[in-house]
């Protein structure tokens, strides 16, 4: 079945899933941005990693909380939404500055950006270990 004959739901689901390979490409793109963009590029890339760390910490915190503590009106949910928005905003900032990311930023949503943040941090950590 070719993409033009696939139901829209399947196409959307395929577009928004991120893999470790996607995180590797994004990490490589960040390395290029930091090299090309100098101090400003490095600052923006560091901001993405910082917001990813905060977002992932919020997501991980949810595993220790009850269902009620993570309800849409809970303080945790507000904190997690703020962290999610900051992560996505940091990626948008790179695009608005003219840098190219290896995926269409419009495909981000609340669920897959958490996956992307986690994979990106794993990839970043493994790059740091290899460099050491």
Protein backbone atom coordinates (compact mmCIF):
# COMPACT_ATOMS: atom_id res chain seq x y z
CA UNK A 1 0.00 0.00 0.00
CA UNK A 2 1.46 3.34 -1.00
CA UNK A 3 1.28 6.37 1.32
CA UNK A 4 -1.29 8.15 -0.84
CA UNK A 5 -3.62 5.15 -0.43
CA UNK A 6 -3.16 4.80 3.32
CA UNK A 7 -5.80 6.01 5.74
CA UNK A 8 -4.90 9.38 7.27
CA UNK A 9 -4.67 7.96 10.83
CA UNK A 10 -1.90 5.57 9.82
CA UNK A 11 0.06 8.27 8.04
CA UNK A 12 -0.17 10.56 11.06
CA UNK A 13 0.88 7.76 13.40
CA UNK A 14 3.90 6.96 11.24
CA UNK A 15 4.95 10.60 11.00
CA UNK A 16 4.87 11.36 14.72
CA UNK A 17 6.83 8.39 16.09
CA UNK A 18 10.43 9.09 16.94
CA UNK A 19 13.16 6.45 17.16
CA UNK A 20 16.69 6.33 18.48
CA UNK A 21 17.85 6.92 14.90
CA UNK A 22 15.84 10.16 14.82
CA UNK A 23 17.49 11.21 18.08
CA UNK A 24 20.92 10.44 16.60
CA UNK A 25 20.15 12.63 13.58
CA UNK A 26 18.88 15.40 15.85
CA UNK A 27 21.94 15.15 18.10
CA UNK A 28 24.18 15.34 15.01
CA UNK A 29 22.22 18.38 13.84
CA UNK A 30 22.73 19.99 17.24
CA UNK A 31 26.48 19.38 16.98
CA UNK A 32 26.45 21.14 13.61
CA UNK A 33 24.36 24.02 14.95
CA UNK A 34 26.78 24.49 17.85
CA UNK A 35 29.76 24.42 15.47
CA UNK A 36 28.25 26.68 12.83
CA UNK A 37 26.38 29.00 15.20
CA UNK A 38 29.27 29.58 17.57
CA UNK A 39 28.39 30.87 21.01
CA UNK A 40 24.78 31.67 20.07
CA UNK A 41 24.23 28.26 18.44
CA UNK A 42 25.76 26.52 21.45
CA UNK A 43 23.54 28.51 23.81
CA UNK A 44 20.40 27.54 21.87
CA UNK A 45 21.40 23.85 21.74
CA UNK A 46 22.17 23.89 25.48
CA UNK A 47 18.71 25.38 26.04
CA UNK A 48 17.13 22.44 24.18
CA UNK A 49 19.02 19.93 26.32
CA UNK A 50 18.15 21.82 29.52
CA UNK A 51 14.45 21.94 28.68
CA UNK A 52 14.55 18.26 27.64
CA UNK A 53 16.04 17.35 31.02
CA UNK A 54 13.32 19.26 32.87
CA UNK A 55 10.58 17.72 30.73
CA UNK A 56 11.91 14.18 31.14
CA UNK A 57 12.25 14.66 34.90
CA UNK A 58 8.57 15.65 35.06
CA UNK A 59 7.54 12.63 33.01
CA UNK A 60 9.63 10.33 35.20
CA UNK A 61 8.14 11.89 38.33
CA UNK A 62 4.71 10.74 37.14
CA UNK A 63 5.75 7.12 37.71
CA UNK A 64 5.89 7.84 41.45
CA UNK A 65 2.52 9.59 41.62
CA UNK A 66 -1.04 8.35 41.83
CA UNK A 67 -3.54 8.80 39.03
CA UNK A 68 -5.20 11.62 40.98
CA UNK A 69 -1.85 13.38 41.46
CA UNK A 70 -1.35 13.48 37.69
CA UNK A 71 -4.89 14.55 36.80
CA UNK A 72 -5.28 17.43 34.33
CA UNK A 73 -6.01 19.93 37.12
CA UNK A 74 -3.12 18.82 39.36
CA UNK A 75 -0.02 20.88 40.17
CA UNK A 76 2.11 18.12 38.59
CA UNK A 77 0.20 18.33 35.32
CA UNK A 78 0.64 22.10 35.19
CA UNK A 79 4.39 21.69 35.82
CA UNK A 80 4.67 18.95 33.18
CA UNK A 81 2.75 21.02 30.61
CA UNK A 82 5.02 23.99 31.26
CA UNK A 83 8.12 21.78 30.83
CA UNK A 84 6.69 20.28 27.62
CA UNK A 85 5.95 23.71 26.20
CA UNK A 86 9.46 24.94 27.07
CA UNK A 87 11.03 21.94 25.28
CA UNK A 88 8.98 22.46 22.14
CA UNK A 89 9.60 26.22 22.26
CA UNK A 90 13.35 25.62 22.41
CA UNK A 91 13.13 23.51 19.24
CA UNK A 92 11.00 26.17 17.55
CA UNK A 93 13.59 28.79 18.54
CA UNK A 94 16.24 26.91 16.56
CA UNK A 95 13.99 26.72 13.50
CA UNK A 96 13.06 30.40 13.79
CA UNK A 97 16.79 31.23 13.96
CA UNK A 98 17.17 29.57 10.56
CA UNK A 99 18.57 26.20 11.59
CA UNK A 100 17.26 23.03 9.99
CA UNK A 101 16.17 20.08 12.09
CA UNK A 102 16.04 16.54 10.66
CA UNK A 103 12.25 16.33 11.07
CA UNK A 104 9.23 18.53 10.50
CA UNK A 105 8.67 20.40 13.74
CA UNK A 106 4.93 20.45 12.98
CA UNK A 107 4.85 16.70 13.73
CA UNK A 108 5.53 17.28 17.43
CA UNK A 109 2.74 16.66 19.89
CA UNK A 110 2.60 16.20 23.64
CA UNK A 111 3.13 12.44 23.51
CA UNK A 112 5.89 12.14 20.92
CA UNK A 113 7.89 15.12 22.13
CA UNK A 114 8.35 13.30 25.45
CA UNK A 115 9.72 10.31 23.57
CA UNK A 116 11.95 12.59 21.53
CA UNK A 117 13.26 14.34 24.66
CA UNK A 118 14.08 11.01 26.34
CA UNK A 119 15.80 9.60 23.27
CA UNK A 120 17.69 12.84 22.70
CA UNK A 121 19.05 12.85 26.25
CA UNK A 122 20.14 9.20 25.95
CA UNK A 123 21.91 9.99 22.70
CA UNK A 124 23.53 13.10 24.19
CA UNK A 125 24.77 11.09 27.18
CA UNK A 126 26.23 8.37 24.95
CA UNK A 127 28.00 11.03 22.82
CA UNK A 128 29.53 12.52 25.97
CA UNK A 129 30.75 9.07 27.10
CA UNK A 130 32.30 8.39 23.69
CA UNK A 131 34.06 11.76 23.71
CA UNK A 132 35.54 11.17 27.19
